[in-house]
Amino acid sequence: AVQAFAVGKPVVASEVGGVPEIVFDGETGLLVPPADPARLAEAMARVMTDAASTARMAANARRLAERDMRFDNRMGQTLEVYRTAQTHARKRLLPKFRGTGA
């Protein structure tokens, strides 16, 4: 989905795994229930025939990719998670190690 968004294409995808976290139904693409070929075909037909809706979803998808999915933004988010984890780890009190004496 991310690659399609980057080139301004809406996505037709099944609502499985993490897909619904980035594909917003009717906004950046279309989501269909898993294992439902009829609904998948309907969604694909809609993207191919409803030019206005498809163009709007494509523009939204591109904006989302530029704003939230750029490498530098993702790297910044990842580094912030690491910094937060380090801060919490430094505050933790660890019990003294008592070796086996061997």
PDB file of N, CA and C in Angstrom:
ATOM      1  N   ALA A   1       0.817  -1.194   0.000  1.00  0.00           N
ATOM      2  CA  ALA A   1       0.000   0.000   0.000  1.00  0.00           C
ATOM      3  C   ALA A   1       0.865   1.265   0.000  1.00  0.00           C
ATOM      4  N   VAL A   2       1.923   1.241   0.793  1.00  0.00           N
ATOM      5  CA  VAL A   2       2.768   2.429   0.912  1.00  0.00           C
ATOM      6  C   VAL A   2       3.358   2.826  -0.441  1.00  0.00           C
ATOM      7  N   GLN A   3       3.801   1.835  -1.207  1.00  0.00           N
ATOM      8  CA  GLN A   3       4.388   2.143  -2.517  1.00  0.00           C
ATOM      9  C   GLN A   3       3.343   2.746  -3.455  1.00  0.00           C
ATOM     10  N   ALA A   4       2.126   2.234  -3.410  1.00  0.00           N
ATOM     11  CA  ALA A   4       1.050   2.788  -4.242  1.00  0.00           C
ATOM     12  C   ALA A   4       0.745   4.222  -3.821  1.00  0.00           C
ATOM     13  N   PHE A   5       0.676   4.460  -2.517  1.00  0.00           N
ATOM     14  CA  PHE A   5       0.424   5.806  -2.023  1.00  0.00           C
ATOM     15  C   PHE A   5       1.491   6.773  -2.509  1.00  0.00           C
ATOM     16  N   ALA A   6       2.745   6.343  -2.489  1.00  0.00           N
ATOM     17  CA  ALA A   6       3.866   7.215  -2.862  1.00  0.00           C
ATOM     18  C   ALA A   6       3.764   7.711  -4.294  1.00  0.00           C
ATOM     19  N   VAL A   7       3.138   6.922  -5.161  1.00  0.00           N
ATOM     20  CA  VAL A   7       2.964   7.359  -6.546  1.00  0.00           C
ATOM     21  C   VAL A   7       1.540   7.831  -6.820  1.00  0.00           C
ATOM     22  N   GLY A   8       0.781   8.082  -5.742  1.00  0.00           N
ATOM     23  CA  GLY A   8      -0.543   8.654  -5.879  1.00  0.00           C
ATOM     24  C   GLY A   8      -1.604   7.711  -6.408  1.00  0.00           C
ATOM     25  N   LYS A   9      -1.545   6.478  -5.993  1.00  0.00           N
ATOM     26  CA  LYS A   9      -2.550   5.501  -6.420  1.00  0.00           C
ATOM     27  C   LYS A   9      -3.359   5.033  -5.215  1.00  0.00           C
ATOM     28  N   PRO A  10      -4.681   4.997  -5.344  1.00  0.00           N
ATOM     29  CA  PRO A  10      -5.478   4.445  -4.251  1.00  0.00           C
ATOM     30  C   PRO A  10      -5.306   2.923  -4.223  1.00  0.00           C
ATOM     31  N   VAL A  11      -5.621   2.325  -3.098  1.00  0.00           N
ATOM     32  CA  VAL A  11      -5.425   0.896  -2.915  1.00  0.00           C
ATOM     33  C   VAL A  11      -6.773   0.216  -2.702  1.00  0.00           C
ATOM     34  N   VAL A  12      -6.916  -0.955  -3.307  1.00  0.00           N
ATOM     35  CA  VAL A  12      -8.047  -1.840  -3.013  1.00  0.00           C
ATOM     36  C   VAL A  12      -7.431  -3.027  -2.295  1.00  0.00           C
ATOM     37  N   ALA A  13      -7.840  -3.247  -1.040  1.00  0.00           N
ATOM     38  CA  ALA A  13      -7.198  -4.286  -0.240  1.00  0.00           C
ATOM     39  C   ALA A  13      -8.191  -4.941   0.712  1.00  0.00           C
ATOM     40  N   SER A  14      -7.818  -6.104   1.180  1.00  0.00           N
ATOM     41  CA  SER A  14      -8.615  -6.810   2.181  1.00  0.00           C
ATOM     42  C   SER A  14      -8.322  -6.248   3.564  1.00  0.00           C
ATOM     43  N   GLU A  15      -9.320  -6.263   4.419  1.00  0.00           N
ATOM     44  CA  GLU A  15      -9.178  -5.793   5.795  1.00  0.00           C
ATOM     45  C   GLU A  15      -8.509  -6.879   6.637  1.00  0.00           C
ATOM     46  N   VAL A  16      -7.218  -7.031   6.467  1.00  0.00           N
ATOM     47  CA  VAL A  16      -6.469  -8.031   7.221  1.00  0.00           C
ATOM     48  C   VAL A  16      -5.176  -7.413   7.744  1.00  0.00           C
ATOM     49  N   GLY A  17      -4.654  -7.992   8.811  1.00  0.00           N
ATOM     50  CA  GLY A  17      -3.381  -7.542   9.363  1.00  0.00           C
ATOM     51  C   GLY A  17      -3.360  -6.056   9.646  1.00  0.00           C
ATOM     52  N   GLY A  18      -2.272  -5.422   9.275  1.00  0.00           N
ATOM     53  CA  GLY A  18      -2.103  -4.001   9.525  1.00  0.00           C
ATOM     54  C   GLY A  18      -2.629  -3.103   8.424  1.00  0.00           C
ATOM     55  N   VAL A  19      -3.213  -3.697   7.391  1.00  0.00           N
ATOM     56  CA  VAL A  19      -3.690  -2.905   6.250  1.00  0.00           C
ATOM     57  C   VAL A  19      -4.664  -1.799   6.674  1.00  0.00           C
ATOM     58  N   PRO A  20      -5.667  -2.082   7.522  1.00  0.00           N
ATOM     59  CA  PRO A  20      -6.593  -1.011   7.900  1.00  0.00           C
ATOM     60  C   PRO A  20      -5.954   0.130   8.697  1.00  0.00           C
ATOM     61  N   GLU A  21      -4.725  -0.075   9.165  1.00  0.00           N
ATOM     62  CA  GLU A  21      -4.038   0.994   9.885  1.00  0.00           C
ATOM     63  C   GLU A  21      -3.497   2.064   8.942  1.00  0.00           C
ATOM     64  N   ILE A  22      -3.347   1.723   7.658  1.00  0.00           N
ATOM     65  CA  ILE A  22      -2.829   2.719   6.710  1.00  0.00           C
ATOM     66  C   ILE A  22      -3.769   2.980   5.538  1.00  0.00           C
ATOM     67  N   VAL A  23      -4.633   2.022   5.217  1.00  0.00           N
ATOM     68  CA  VAL A  23      -5.615   2.234   4.153  1.00  0.00           C
ATOM     69  C   VAL A  23      -6.933   2.600   4.822  1.00  0.00           C
ATOM     70  N   PHE A  24      -7.367   3.821   4.613  1.00  0.00           N
ATOM     71  CA  PHE A  24      -8.608   4.297   5.211  1.00  0.00           C
ATOM     72  C   PHE A  24      -9.708   4.218   4.164  1.00  0.00           C
ATOM     73  N   ASP A  25     -10.688   3.378   4.446  1.00  0.00           N
ATOM     74  CA  ASP A  25     -11.744   3.074   3.485  1.00  0.00           C
ATOM     75  C   ASP A  25     -12.444   4.333   2.990  1.00  0.00           C
ATOM     76  N   GLY A  26     -12.418   4.509   1.681  1.00  0.00           N
ATOM     77  CA  GLY A  26     -13.066   5.650   1.056  1.00  0.00           C
ATOM     78  C   GLY A  26     -12.242   6.924   1.088  1.00  0.00           C
ATOM     79  N   GLU A  27     -11.116   6.905   1.799  1.00  0.00           N
ATOM     80  CA  GLU A  27     -10.263   8.093   1.900  1.00  0.00           C
ATOM     81  C   GLU A  27      -8.959   7.923   1.125  1.00  0.00           C
ATOM     82  N   THR A  28      -8.245   6.822   1.372  1.00  0.00           N
ATOM     83  CA  THR A  28      -6.982   6.576   0.671  1.00  0.00           C
ATOM     84  C   THR A  28      -7.059   5.305  -0.166  1.00  0.00           C
ATOM     85  N   GLY A  29      -8.198   4.669  -0.172  1.00  0.00           N
ATOM     86  CA  GLY A  29      -8.400   3.435  -0.914  1.00  0.00           C
ATOM     87  C   GLY A  29      -9.698   2.781  -0.479  1.00  0.00           C
ATOM     88  N   LEU A  30      -9.861   1.550  -0.884  1.00  0.00           N
ATOM     89  CA  LEU A  30     -11.075   0.817  -0.528  1.00  0.00           C
ATOM     90  C   LEU A  30     -10.695  -0.477   0.180  1.00  0.00           C
ATOM     91  N   LEU A  31     -11.385  -0.752   1.270  1.00  0.00           N
ATOM     92  CA  LEU A  31     -11.166  -1.987   2.019  1.00  0.00           C
ATOM     93  C   LEU A  31     -12.350  -2.910   1.817  1.00  0.00           C
ATOM     94  N   VAL A  32     -12.046  -4.186   1.657  1.00  0.00           N
ATOM     95  CA  VAL A  32     -13.097  -5.195   1.503  1.00  0.00           C
ATOM     96  C   VAL A  32     -12.862  -6.305   2.514  1.00  0.00           C
ATOM     97  N   PRO A  33     -13.922  -7.016   2.889  1.00  0.00           N
ATOM     98  CA  PRO A  33     -13.742  -8.132   3.821  1.00  0.00           C
ATOM     99  C   PRO A  33     -12.839  -9.202   3.204  1.00  0.00           C
ATOM    100  N   PRO A  34     -12.083  -9.903   4.031  1.00  0.00           N
ATOM    101  CA  PRO A  34     -11.228 -10.964   3.495  1.00  0.00           C
ATOM    102  C   PRO A  34     -12.063 -12.094   2.895  1.00  0.00           C
ATOM    103  N   ALA A  35     -11.510 -12.742   1.903  1.00  0.00           N
ATOM    104  CA  ALA A  35     -12.137 -13.908   1.253  1.00  0.00           C
ATOM    105  C   ALA A  35     -13.516 -13.583   0.698  1.00  0.00           C
ATOM    106  N   ASP A  36     -13.673 -12.394   0.136  1.00  0.00           N
ATOM    107  CA  ASP A  36     -14.956 -11.999  -0.462  1.00  0.00           C
ATOM    108  C   ASP A  36     -14.699 -11.498  -1.881  1.00  0.00           C
ATOM    109  N   PRO A  37     -14.560 -12.425  -2.837  1.00  0.00           N
ATOM    110  CA  PRO A  37     -14.204 -12.017  -4.199  1.00  0.00           C
ATOM    111  C   PRO A  37     -15.226 -11.102  -4.857  1.00  0.00           C
ATOM    112  N   ALA A  38     -16.498 -11.244  -4.509  1.00  0.00           N
ATOM    113  CA  ALA A  38     -17.517 -10.374  -5.104  1.00  0.00           C
ATOM    114  C   ALA A  38     -17.298  -8.921  -4.679  1.00  0.00           C
ATOM    115  N   ARG A  39     -17.045  -8.700  -3.381  1.00  0.00           N
ATOM    116  CA  ARG A  39     -16.805  -7.339  -2.891  1.00  0.00           C
ATOM    117  C   ARG A  39     -15.484  -6.783  -3.441  1.00  0.00           C
ATOM    118  N   LEU A  40     -14.492  -7.644  -3.595  1.00  0.00           N
ATOM    119  CA  LEU A  40     -13.224  -7.224  -4.174  1.00  0.00           C
ATOM    120  C   LEU A  40     -13.431  -6.750  -5.612  1.00  0.00           C
ATOM    121  N   ALA A  41     -14.203  -7.520  -6.380  1.00  0.00           N
ATOM    122  CA  ALA A  41     -14.488  -7.151  -7.776  1.00  0.00           C
ATOM    123  C   ALA A  41     -15.260  -5.831  -7.835  1.00  0.00           C
ATOM    124  N   GLU A  42     -16.218  -5.633  -6.939  1.00  0.00           N
ATOM    125  CA  GLU A  42     -16.982  -4.380  -6.898  1.00  0.00           C
ATOM    126  C   GLU A  42     -16.070  -3.195  -6.611  1.00  0.00           C
ATOM    127  N   ALA A  43     -15.184  -3.367  -5.644  1.00  0.00           N
ATOM    128  CA  ALA A  43     -14.271  -2.275  -5.286  1.00  0.00           C
ATOM    129  C   ALA A  43     -13.320  -1.959  -6.439  1.00  0.00           C
ATOM    130  N   MET A  44     -12.824  -2.988  -7.094  1.00  0.00           N
ATOM    131  CA  MET A  44     -11.931  -2.765  -8.241  1.00  0.00           C
ATOM    132  C   MET A  44     -12.673  -2.066  -9.372  1.00  0.00           C
ATOM    133  N   ALA A  45     -13.909  -2.457  -9.615  1.00  0.00           N
ATOM    134  CA  ALA A  45     -14.710  -1.811 -10.660  1.00  0.00           C
ATOM    135  C   ALA A  45     -14.959  -0.348 -10.318  1.00  0.00           C
ATOM    136  N   ARG A  46     -15.199  -0.076  -9.041  1.00  0.00           N
ATOM    137  CA  ARG A  46     -15.439   1.309  -8.622  1.00  0.00           C
ATOM    138  C   ARG A  46     -14.207   2.176  -8.884  1.00  0.00           C
ATOM    139  N   VAL A  47     -13.032   1.667  -8.553  1.00  0.00           N
ATOM    140  CA  VAL A  47     -11.803   2.431  -8.778  1.00  0.00           C
ATOM    141  C   VAL A  47     -11.588   2.676 -10.267  1.00  0.00           C
ATOM    142  N   MET A  48     -11.975   1.725 -11.090  1.00  0.00           N
ATOM    143  CA  MET A  48     -11.761   1.879 -12.537  1.00  0.00           C
ATOM    144  C   MET A  48     -12.817   2.740 -13.215  1.00  0.00           C
ATOM    145  N   THR A  49     -13.986   2.914 -12.596  1.00  0.00           N
ATOM    146  CA  THR A  49     -15.065   3.640 -13.263  1.00  0.00           C
ATOM    147  C   THR A  49     -15.439   4.977 -12.625  1.00  0.00           C
ATOM    148  N   ASP A  50     -15.152   5.171 -11.357  1.00  0.00           N
ATOM    149  CA  ASP A  50     -15.510   6.408 -10.661  1.00  0.00           C
ATOM    150  C   ASP A  50     -14.282   7.310 -10.589  1.00  0.00           C
ATOM    151  N   ALA A  51     -14.057   8.051 -11.665  1.00  0.00           N
ATOM    152  CA  ALA A  51     -12.836   8.850 -11.791  1.00  0.00           C
ATOM    153  C   ALA A  51     -12.700   9.897 -10.697  1.00  0.00           C
ATOM    154  N   ALA A  52     -13.769  10.564 -10.341  1.00  0.00           N
ATOM    155  CA  ALA A  52     -13.694  11.629  -9.331  1.00  0.00           C
ATOM    156  C   ALA A  52     -13.313  11.065  -7.965  1.00  0.00           C
ATOM    157  N   SER A  53     -13.967  10.007  -7.572  1.00  0.00           N
ATOM    158  CA  SER A  53     -13.680   9.379  -6.288  1.00  0.00           C
ATOM    159  C   SER A  53     -12.260   8.813  -6.259  1.00  0.00           C
ATOM    160  N   THR A  54     -11.853   8.199  -7.358  1.00  0.00           N
ATOM    161  CA  THR A  54     -10.511   7.631  -7.447  1.00  0.00           C
ATOM    162  C   THR A  54      -9.452   8.723  -7.372  1.00  0.00           C
ATOM    163  N   ALA A  55      -9.672   9.830  -8.047  1.00  0.00           N
ATOM    164  CA  ALA A  55      -8.719  10.943  -8.015  1.00  0.00           C
ATOM    165  C   ALA A  55      -8.606  11.520  -6.597  1.00  0.00           C
ATOM    166  N   ARG A  56      -9.732  11.643  -5.906  1.00  0.00           N
ATOM    167  CA  ARG A  56      -9.720  12.156  -4.536  1.00  0.00           C
ATOM    168  C   ARG A  56      -8.951  11.211  -3.617  1.00  0.00           C
ATOM    169  N   MET A  57      -9.222   9.906  -3.719  1.00  0.00           N
ATOM    170  CA  MET A  57      -8.509   8.926  -2.889  1.00  0.00           C
ATOM    171  C   MET A  57      -7.017   8.925  -3.220  1.00  0.00           C
ATOM    172  N   ALA A  58      -6.680   9.040  -4.497  1.00  0.00           N
ATOM    173  CA  ALA A  58      -5.273   9.058  -4.912  1.00  0.00           C
ATOM    174  C   ALA A  58      -4.548  10.269  -4.329  1.00  0.00           C
ATOM    175  N   ALA A  59      -5.182  11.429  -4.368  1.00  0.00           N
ATOM    176  CA  ALA A  59      -4.570  12.640  -3.809  1.00  0.00           C
ATOM    177  C   ALA A  59      -4.395  12.500  -2.297  1.00  0.00           C
ATOM    178  N   ASN A  60      -5.401  11.959  -1.625  1.00  0.00           N
ATOM    179  CA  ASN A  60      -5.305  11.734  -0.178  1.00  0.00           C
ATOM    180  C   ASN A  60      -4.186  10.748   0.151  1.00  0.00           C
ATOM    181  N   ALA A  61      -4.073   9.694  -0.656  1.00  0.00           N
ATOM    182  CA  ALA A  61      -3.039   8.682  -0.438  1.00  0.00           C
ATOM    183  C   ALA A  61      -1.654   9.303  -0.594  1.00  0.00           C
ATOM    184  N   ARG A  62      -1.477  10.123  -1.603  1.00  0.00           N
ATOM    185  CA  ARG A  62      -0.178  10.774  -1.835  1.00  0.00           C
ATOM    186  C   ARG A  62       0.175  11.700  -0.675  1.00  0.00           C
ATOM    187  N   ARG A  63      -0.802  12.497  -0.211  1.00  0.00           N
ATOM    188  CA  ARG A  63      -0.557  13.390   0.928  1.00  0.00           C
ATOM    189  C   ARG A  63      -0.166  12.600   2.175  1.00  0.00           C
ATOM    190  N   LEU A  64      -0.869  11.509   2.421  1.00  0.00           N
ATOM    191  CA  LEU A  64      -0.555  10.663   3.577  1.00  0.00           C
ATOM    192  C   LEU A  64       0.869  10.119   3.476  1.00  0.00           C
ATOM    193  N   ALA A  65       1.252   9.652   2.305  1.00  0.00           N
ATOM    194  CA  ALA A  65       2.604   9.117   2.109  1.00  0.00           C
ATOM    195  C   ALA A  65       3.659  10.202   2.339  1.00  0.00           C
ATOM    196  N   GLU A  66       3.430  11.380   1.805  1.00  0.00           N
ATOM    197  CA  GLU A  66       4.399  12.466   1.959  1.00  0.00           C
ATOM    198  C   GLU A  66       4.500  12.938   3.403  1.00  0.00           C
ATOM    199  N   ARG A  67       3.385  12.946   4.102  1.00  0.00           N
ATOM    200  CA  ARG A  67       3.361  13.459   5.465  1.00  0.00           C
ATOM    201  C   ARG A  67       3.834  12.433   6.495  1.00  0.00           C
ATOM    202  N   ASP A  68       3.360  11.197   6.387  1.00  0.00           N
ATOM    203  CA  ASP A  68       3.561  10.217   7.461  1.00  0.00           C
ATOM    204  C   ASP A  68       4.483   9.053   7.145  1.00  0.00           C
ATOM    205  N   MET A  69       4.767   8.805   5.891  1.00  0.00           N
ATOM    206  CA  MET A  69       5.468   7.574   5.548  1.00  0.00           C
ATOM    207  C   MET A  69       6.846   7.777   4.932  1.00  0.00           C
ATOM    208  N   ARG A  70       7.336   8.986   4.971  1.00  0.00           N
ATOM    209  CA  ARG A  70       8.682   9.233   4.453  1.00  0.00           C
ATOM    210  C   ARG A  70       9.711   8.585   5.374  1.00  0.00           C
ATOM    211  N   PHE A  71      10.816   8.152   4.794  1.00  0.00           N
ATOM    212  CA  PHE A  71      11.860   7.476   5.566  1.00  0.00           C
ATOM    213  C   PHE A  71      12.348   8.328   6.730  1.00  0.00           C
ATOM    214  N   ASP A  72      12.603   9.606   6.469  1.00  0.00           N
ATOM    215  CA  ASP A  72      13.135  10.457   7.539  1.00  0.00           C
ATOM    216  C   ASP A  72      12.135  10.609   8.683  1.00  0.00           C
ATOM    217  N   ASN A  73      10.848  10.695   8.367  1.00  0.00           N
ATOM    218  CA  ASN A  73       9.837  10.766   9.424  1.00  0.00           C
ATOM    219  C   ASN A  73       9.777   9.466  10.210  1.00  0.00           C
ATOM    220  N   ARG A  74       9.774   8.342   9.509  1.00  0.00           N
ATOM    221  CA  ARG A  74       9.732   7.034  10.167  1.00  0.00           C
ATOM    222  C   ARG A  74      10.971   6.822  11.028  1.00  0.00           C
ATOM    223  N   MET A  75      12.142   7.216  10.534  1.00  0.00           N
ATOM    224  CA  MET A  75      13.366   7.057  11.308  1.00  0.00           C
ATOM    225  C   MET A  75      13.300   7.916  12.566  1.00  0.00           C
ATOM    226  N   GLY A  76      12.795   9.120  12.442  1.00  0.00           N
ATOM    227  CA  GLY A  76      12.633   9.983  13.611  1.00  0.00           C
ATOM    228  C   GLY A  76      11.706   9.359  14.645  1.00  0.00           C
ATOM    229  N   GLN A  77      10.613   8.766  14.189  1.00  0.00           N
ATOM    230  CA  GLN A  77       9.688   8.100  15.107  1.00  0.00           C
ATOM    231  C   GLN A  77      10.359   6.914  15.790  1.00  0.00           C
ATOM    232  N   THR A  78      11.122   6.142  15.032  1.00  0.00           N
ATOM    233  CA  THR A  78      11.810   4.979  15.589  1.00  0.00           C
ATOM    234  C   THR A  78      12.832   5.410  16.638  1.00  0.00           C
ATOM    235  N   LEU A  79      13.613   6.449  16.333  1.00  0.00           N
ATOM    236  CA  LEU A  79      14.601   6.936  17.287  1.00  0.00           C
ATOM    237  C   LEU A  79      13.938   7.449  18.563  1.00  0.00           C
ATOM    238  N   GLU A  80      12.797   8.073  18.422  1.00  0.00           N
ATOM    239  CA  GLU A  80      12.078   8.557  19.604  1.00  0.00           C
ATOM    240  C   GLU A  80      11.616   7.399  20.484  1.00  0.00           C
ATOM    241  N   VAL A  81      11.181   6.304  19.876  1.00  0.00           N
ATOM    242  CA  VAL A  81      10.798   5.115  20.648  1.00  0.00           C
ATOM    243  C   VAL A  81      12.006   4.587  21.409  1.00  0.00           C
ATOM    244  N   TYR A  82      13.162   4.522  20.744  1.00  0.00           N
ATOM    245  CA  TYR A  82      14.381   4.059  21.412  1.00  0.00           C
ATOM    246  C   TYR A  82      14.762   4.985  22.574  1.00  0.00           C
ATOM    247  N   ARG A  83      14.681   6.289  22.360  1.00  0.00           N
ATOM    248  CA  ARG A  83      15.022   7.240  23.434  1.00  0.00           C
ATOM    249  C   ARG A  83      14.095   7.067  24.631  1.00  0.00           C
ATOM    250  N   THR A  84      12.813   6.888  24.368  1.00  0.00           N
ATOM    251  CA  THR A  84      11.852   6.681  25.447  1.00  0.00           C
ATOM    252  C   THR A  84      12.161   5.399  26.208  1.00  0.00           C
ATOM    253  N   ALA A  85      12.478   4.327  25.474  1.00  0.00           N
ATOM    254  CA  ALA A  85      12.818   3.052  26.115  1.00  0.00           C
ATOM    255  C   ALA A  85      14.069   3.201  26.973  1.00  0.00           C
ATOM    256  N   GLN A  86      15.078   3.927  26.485  1.00  0.00           N
ATOM    257  CA  GLN A  86      16.296   4.133  27.259  1.00  0.00           C
ATOM    258  C   GLN A  86      16.010   4.914  28.536  1.00  0.00           C
ATOM    259  N   THR A  87      15.188   5.945  28.424  1.00  0.00           N
ATOM    260  CA  THR A  87      14.844   6.752  29.592  1.00  0.00           C
ATOM    261  C   THR A  87      14.162   5.899  30.653  1.00  0.00           C
ATOM    262  N   HIS A  88      13.222   5.080  30.237  1.00  0.00           N
ATOM    263  CA  HIS A  88      12.522   4.202  31.190  1.00  0.00           C
ATOM    264  C   HIS A  88      13.471   3.163  31.771  1.00  0.00           C
ATOM    265  N   ALA A  89      14.360   2.632  30.959  1.00  0.00           N
ATOM    266  CA  ALA A  89      15.300   1.607  31.431  1.00  0.00           C
ATOM    267  C   ALA A  89      16.248   2.185  32.482  1.00  0.00           C
ATOM    268  N   ARG A  90      16.678   3.402  32.297  1.00  0.00           N
ATOM    269  CA  ARG A  90      17.603   4.029  33.264  1.00  0.00           C
ATOM    270  C   ARG A  90      16.931   4.265  34.612  1.00  0.00           C
ATOM    271  N   LYS A  91      15.636   4.440  34.621  1.00  0.00           N
ATOM    272  CA  LYS A  91      14.895   4.701  35.861  1.00  0.00           C
ATOM    273  C   LYS A  91      14.571   3.427  36.639  1.00  0.00           C
ATOM    274  N   ARG A  92      14.652   2.286  35.965  1.00  0.00           N
ATOM    275  CA  ARG A  92      14.301   1.022  36.617  1.00  0.00           C
ATOM    276  C   ARG A  92      15.346   0.617  37.633  1.00  0.00           C
ATOM    277  N   LEU A  93      14.880   0.124  38.748  1.00  0.00           N
ATOM    278  CA  LEU A  93      15.784  -0.407  39.749  1.00  0.00           C
ATOM    279  C   LEU A  93      15.925  -1.901  39.500  1.00  0.00           C
ATOM    280  N   LEU A  94      17.162  -2.326  39.380  1.00  0.00           N
ATOM    281  CA  LEU A  94      17.407  -3.741  39.139  1.00  0.00           C
ATOM    282  C   LEU A  94      17.929  -4.376  40.420  1.00  0.00           C
ATOM    283  N   PRO A  95      17.500  -5.588  40.700  1.00  0.00           N
ATOM    284  CA  PRO A  95      18.001  -6.268  41.903  1.00  0.00           C
ATOM    285  C   PRO A  95      19.483  -6.575  41.750  1.00  0.00           C
ATOM    286  N   LYS A  96      20.169  -6.613  42.890  1.00  0.00           N
ATOM    287  CA  LYS A  96      21.592  -6.941  42.835  1.00  0.00           C
ATOM    288  C   LYS A  96      21.750  -8.387  42.438  1.00  0.00           C
ATOM    289  N   PHE A  97      22.762  -8.625  41.617  1.00  0.00           N
ATOM    290  CA  PHE A  97      23.030  -9.993  41.162  1.00  0.00           C
ATOM    291  C   PHE A  97      23.690 -10.770  42.285  1.00  0.00           C
ATOM    292  N   ARG A  98      23.159 -11.930  42.538  1.00  0.00           N
ATOM    293  CA  ARG A  98      23.750 -12.820  43.522  1.00  0.00           C
ATOM    294  C   ARG A  98      24.202 -14.069  42.799  1.00  0.00           C
ATOM    295  N   GLY A  99      25.457 -14.139  42.537  1.00  0.00           N
ATOM    296  CA  GLY A  99      26.005 -15.256  41.795  1.00  0.00           C
ATOM    297  C   GLY A  99      25.909 -16.574  42.553  1.00  0.00           C
ATOM    298  N   THR A 100      26.248 -17.608  41.876  1.00  0.00           N
ATOM    299  CA  THR A 100      26.175 -18.956  42.478  1.00  0.00           C
ATOM    300  C   THR A 100      27.426 -19.261  43.291  1.00  0.00           C
ATOM    301  N   GLY A 101      28.432 -18.414  43.228  1.00  0.00           N
ATOM    302  CA  GLY A 101      29.653 -18.637  43.972  1.00  0.00           C
ATOM    303  C   GLY A 101      30.572 -19.659  43.347  1.00  0.00           C
ATOM    304  N   ALA A 102      30.259 -20.062  42.147  1.00  0.00           N
ATOM    305  CA  ALA A 102      31.068 -21.099  41.511  1.00  0.00           C
ATOM    306  C   ALA A 102      32.334 -20.556  40.919  1.00  0.00           C
TER     307      ALA A 102
END
